[in-house]
Amino acid sequence: MIQEPAAHPGRFKMVPYNEASPEVKAIYDDTKKTLQLPFVLNWFKCQGDNAILLKGNWSKLKNTLMEGEVPNVLKQLIIYNVSRKRGCEYCSHAHGIFADSMSSMISDEEGFKATENIDSPTMPVSYRIAVNVVTKAALNHKDISNEDFKELQDTGFSRREIQELMAQADLVNMLNTIADVSGIKIDNELLETIE
């Protein structure tokens, strides 16, 4: 079987762990520890030739996606949904895998997959509303209205949580841009986790 290259040649250099500078290796190590993965994702490797950029983008991703009061599974679902609607294959695939791996945090129904039930009644109403509003914010941010904020408040989100949710719209735009511009492909190691 012929494997596709991890990125379009000539766009961004893919820097594997063993070729990374000590500064980049330290960031790679932090991504693996934080994301609980035994490997470095291609999204980081395509930035491994620029330690300053990688450091800034990882800091934003780590603080916006992995920290805070909003459950990570909801944030992953938002990124999955926006990426899917925008057609960013790398991010929709990767964040879909992450969201589905946390499906038991939403429902204990056997075989439940968060990505397949994003609009179903088994998904909490607050999650459905958050996914829809933040997807709208990411794809058409000028269309966000006071009514959208009120809908999020009425479903139980605090002002801080709403700010955190809206930050996902900004984050997913960065994630999608880097993934699509670099032309990275989904990580074989990530695909193996679902087989």
Protein backbone atom coordinates (compact mmCIF):
# COMPACT_ATOMS: atom_id res chain seq x y z
CA MET A 1 0.00 0.00 0.00
CA ILE A 2 1.38 3.39 -1.00
CA GLN A 3 1.11 6.00 1.74
CA GLU A 4 0.32 9.58 0.86
CA PRO A 5 2.86 12.18 1.93
CA ALA A 6 1.98 13.90 5.20
CA ALA A 7 1.88 17.32 3.52
CA HIS A 8 2.10 18.92 0.11
CA PRO A 9 5.80 19.04 -0.78
CA GLY A 10 7.32 22.49 -0.59
CA ARG A 11 4.65 24.11 1.56
CA PHE A 12 5.73 23.52 5.16
CA LYS A 13 8.54 21.27 6.24
CA MET A 14 7.31 18.39 8.37
CA VAL A 15 9.65 18.07 11.34
CA PRO A 16 9.56 14.64 13.00
CA TYR A 17 10.40 14.37 16.68
CA ASN A 18 13.89 12.96 16.14
CA GLU A 19 14.84 15.91 13.89
CA ALA A 20 13.34 18.65 16.06
CA SER A 21 15.36 21.27 17.91
CA PRO A 22 15.42 21.00 21.73
CA GLU A 23 12.89 23.88 21.99
CA VAL A 24 10.52 22.21 19.52
CA LYS A 25 11.00 18.81 21.22
CA ALA A 26 9.90 20.37 24.51
CA ILE A 27 6.70 21.66 22.85
CA TYR A 28 6.14 18.32 21.14
CA ASP A 29 6.50 16.60 24.54
CA ASP A 30 3.94 18.98 26.05
CA THR A 31 1.47 18.29 23.21
CA LYS A 32 1.81 14.54 23.75
CA LYS A 33 1.38 14.85 27.52
CA THR A 34 -1.57 17.27 27.33
CA LEU A 35 -3.41 15.42 24.56
CA GLN A 36 -2.50 12.03 26.08
CA LEU A 37 -1.04 10.77 22.80
CA PRO A 38 2.12 8.69 22.32
CA PHE A 39 2.98 10.58 19.11
CA VAL A 40 3.13 14.13 17.73
CA LEU A 41 0.24 15.16 15.51
CA ASN A 42 0.96 16.30 11.95
CA TRP A 43 -0.67 19.66 12.79
CA PHE A 44 2.28 20.37 15.09
CA LYS A 45 4.92 18.78 12.90
CA CYS A 46 4.09 21.11 10.00
CA GLN A 47 5.04 24.01 12.31
CA GLY A 48 8.12 22.34 13.78
CA ASP A 49 10.48 24.39 11.61
CA ASN A 50 9.36 27.59 13.38
CA ALA A 51 9.61 27.28 17.17
CA ILE A 52 8.15 30.73 17.85
CA LEU A 53 5.06 30.11 15.74
CA LEU A 54 4.62 26.60 17.13
CA LYS A 55 4.94 27.88 20.70
CA GLY A 56 2.30 30.58 20.17
CA ASN A 57 -0.16 28.33 18.35
CA TRP A 58 0.24 25.51 20.89
CA SER A 59 -0.28 27.95 23.77
CA LYS A 60 -3.49 29.22 22.17
CA LEU A 61 -4.75 25.72 21.42
CA LYS A 62 -3.83 24.38 24.86
CA ASN A 63 -5.45 27.22 26.79
CA THR A 64 -8.55 27.58 24.61
CA LEU A 65 -9.33 23.91 23.99
CA MET A 66 -7.86 22.03 26.94
CA GLU A 67 -8.47 24.48 29.82
CA GLY A 68 -11.56 26.19 31.18
CA GLU A 69 -15.05 25.42 32.42
CA VAL A 70 -16.71 24.15 29.22
CA PRO A 71 -16.35 20.35 28.85
CA ASN A 72 -13.65 19.35 26.37
CA VAL A 73 -16.01 16.99 24.57
CA LEU A 74 -18.28 19.94 23.69
CA LYS A 75 -15.32 21.96 22.42
CA GLN A 76 -14.17 19.00 20.31
CA LEU A 77 -17.68 18.65 18.87
CA ILE A 78 -17.74 22.34 17.93
CA ILE A 79 -14.37 22.09 16.18
CA TYR A 80 -15.49 18.90 14.44
CA ASN A 81 -18.75 20.48 13.26
CA VAL A 82 -17.20 23.72 11.97
CA SER A 83 -14.39 21.80 10.25
CA ARG A 84 -16.88 19.42 8.63
CA LYS A 85 -19.05 22.26 7.32
CA ARG A 86 -16.00 24.13 6.05
CA GLY A 87 -14.56 20.99 4.44
CA CYS A 88 -11.33 20.86 6.44
CA GLU A 89 -10.67 17.13 6.24
CA TYR A 90 -7.77 17.01 8.68
CA CYS A 91 -9.55 18.86 11.51
CA SER A 92 -12.95 17.24 11.02
CA HIS A 93 -11.34 13.80 11.05
CA ALA A 94 -8.99 14.41 14.00
CA HIS A 95 -11.46 16.27 16.22
CA GLY A 96 -14.20 13.81 15.31
CA ILE A 97 -11.96 11.02 16.65
CA PHE A 98 -11.29 13.00 19.85
CA ALA A 99 -15.00 13.82 20.35
CA ASP A 100 -16.07 10.23 19.75
CA SER A 101 -13.46 8.97 22.22
CA MET A 102 -15.25 11.03 24.89
CA SER A 103 -18.79 10.03 23.91
CA SER A 104 -19.39 8.29 27.24
CA MET A 105 -19.26 11.73 28.91
CA ILE A 106 -22.47 12.56 27.05
CA SER A 107 -24.38 9.27 27.00
CA ASP A 108 -23.87 5.78 28.43
CA GLU A 109 -25.95 4.32 25.58
CA GLU A 110 -24.00 1.46 24.01
CA GLY A 111 -22.44 2.37 20.67
CA PHE A 112 -23.20 6.08 21.13
CA LYS A 113 -20.92 8.29 19.03
CA ALA A 114 -21.02 12.01 19.67
CA THR A 115 -20.36 12.97 16.05
CA GLU A 116 -23.19 10.78 14.76
CA ASN A 117 -25.65 12.20 17.29
CA ILE A 118 -24.72 15.87 17.10
CA ASP A 119 -28.31 16.87 16.20
CA SER A 120 -30.18 14.01 17.86
CA PRO A 121 -32.40 14.19 20.96
CA THR A 122 -29.80 12.09 22.84
CA MET A 123 -27.45 15.09 22.68
CA PRO A 124 -28.11 17.53 25.55
CA VAL A 125 -30.05 20.59 24.38
CA SER A 126 -27.33 22.90 25.72
CA TYR A 127 -24.74 21.09 23.60
CA ARG A 128 -26.88 21.27 20.45
CA ILE A 129 -27.44 24.99 20.93
CA ALA A 130 -23.75 25.65 21.68
CA VAL A 131 -22.61 23.71 18.60
CA ASN A 132 -25.07 25.59 16.36
CA VAL A 133 -24.34 29.08 17.73
CA VAL A 134 -20.55 28.69 17.78
CA THR A 135 -20.56 27.13 14.30
CA LYS A 136 -22.45 30.20 13.13
CA ALA A 137 -19.87 32.43 14.88
CA ALA A 138 -16.98 30.61 13.18
CA LEU A 139 -18.47 30.58 9.69
CA ASN A 140 -20.34 33.92 9.69
CA HIS A 141 -19.25 35.88 12.75
CA LYS A 142 -21.06 39.07 11.64
CA ASP A 143 -24.36 37.18 11.86
CA ILE A 144 -24.06 36.59 15.62
CA SER A 145 -26.78 38.47 17.47
CA ASN A 146 -27.80 39.31 21.01
CA GLU A 147 -30.45 36.60 20.61
CA ASP A 148 -27.70 34.02 20.10
CA PHE A 149 -26.07 35.09 23.37
CA LYS A 150 -29.45 35.04 25.13
CA GLU A 151 -30.12 31.53 23.81
CA LEU A 152 -26.81 30.34 25.27
CA GLN A 153 -27.59 32.05 28.60
CA ASP A 154 -31.11 30.62 28.69
CA THR A 155 -29.78 27.10 28.22
CA GLY A 156 -27.57 27.52 31.28
CA PHE A 157 -24.19 28.82 30.13
CA SER A 158 -22.57 31.52 32.27
CA ARG A 159 -21.02 34.64 30.73
CA ARG A 160 -17.54 33.16 31.21
CA GLU A 161 -18.60 29.90 29.55
CA ILE A 162 -20.12 31.81 26.62
CA GLN A 163 -16.87 33.72 26.17
CA GLU A 164 -15.02 30.39 26.26
CA LEU A 165 -17.42 28.89 23.72
CA MET A 166 -16.97 31.84 21.37
CA ALA A 167 -13.19 31.45 21.66
CA GLN A 168 -13.65 28.06 19.98
CA ALA A 169 -14.89 29.88 16.86
CA ASP A 170 -11.60 31.77 16.70
CA LEU A 171 -9.55 28.67 17.51
CA VAL A 172 -11.16 26.47 14.86
CA ASN A 173 -10.49 29.13 12.21
CA MET A 174 -6.78 29.01 13.09
CA LEU A 175 -6.75 25.21 13.18
CA ASN A 176 -8.51 24.91 9.81
CA THR A 177 -6.33 27.53 8.14
CA ILE A 178 -3.05 25.89 9.15
CA ALA A 179 -4.30 22.39 8.28
CA ASP A 180 -5.63 23.36 4.86
CA VAL A 181 -2.79 25.69 3.88
CA SER A 182 -0.14 23.11 4.84
CA GLY A 183 -2.03 20.27 3.15
CA ILE A 184 -1.40 17.85 6.02
CA LYS A 185 -3.06 14.44 5.98
CA ILE A 186 -4.66 12.66 8.93
CA ASP A 187 -2.13 10.92 11.15
CA ASN A 188 -1.85 7.16 10.58
CA GLU A 189 -1.34 6.73 14.35
CA LEU A 190 -4.63 8.55 15.02
CA LEU A 191 -6.48 6.35 12.53
CA GLU A 192 -5.05 3.26 14.23
CA THR A 193 -6.65 4.31 17.53
CA ILE A 194 -10.13 3.78 16.04
CA GLU A 195 -9.49 0.53 14.20
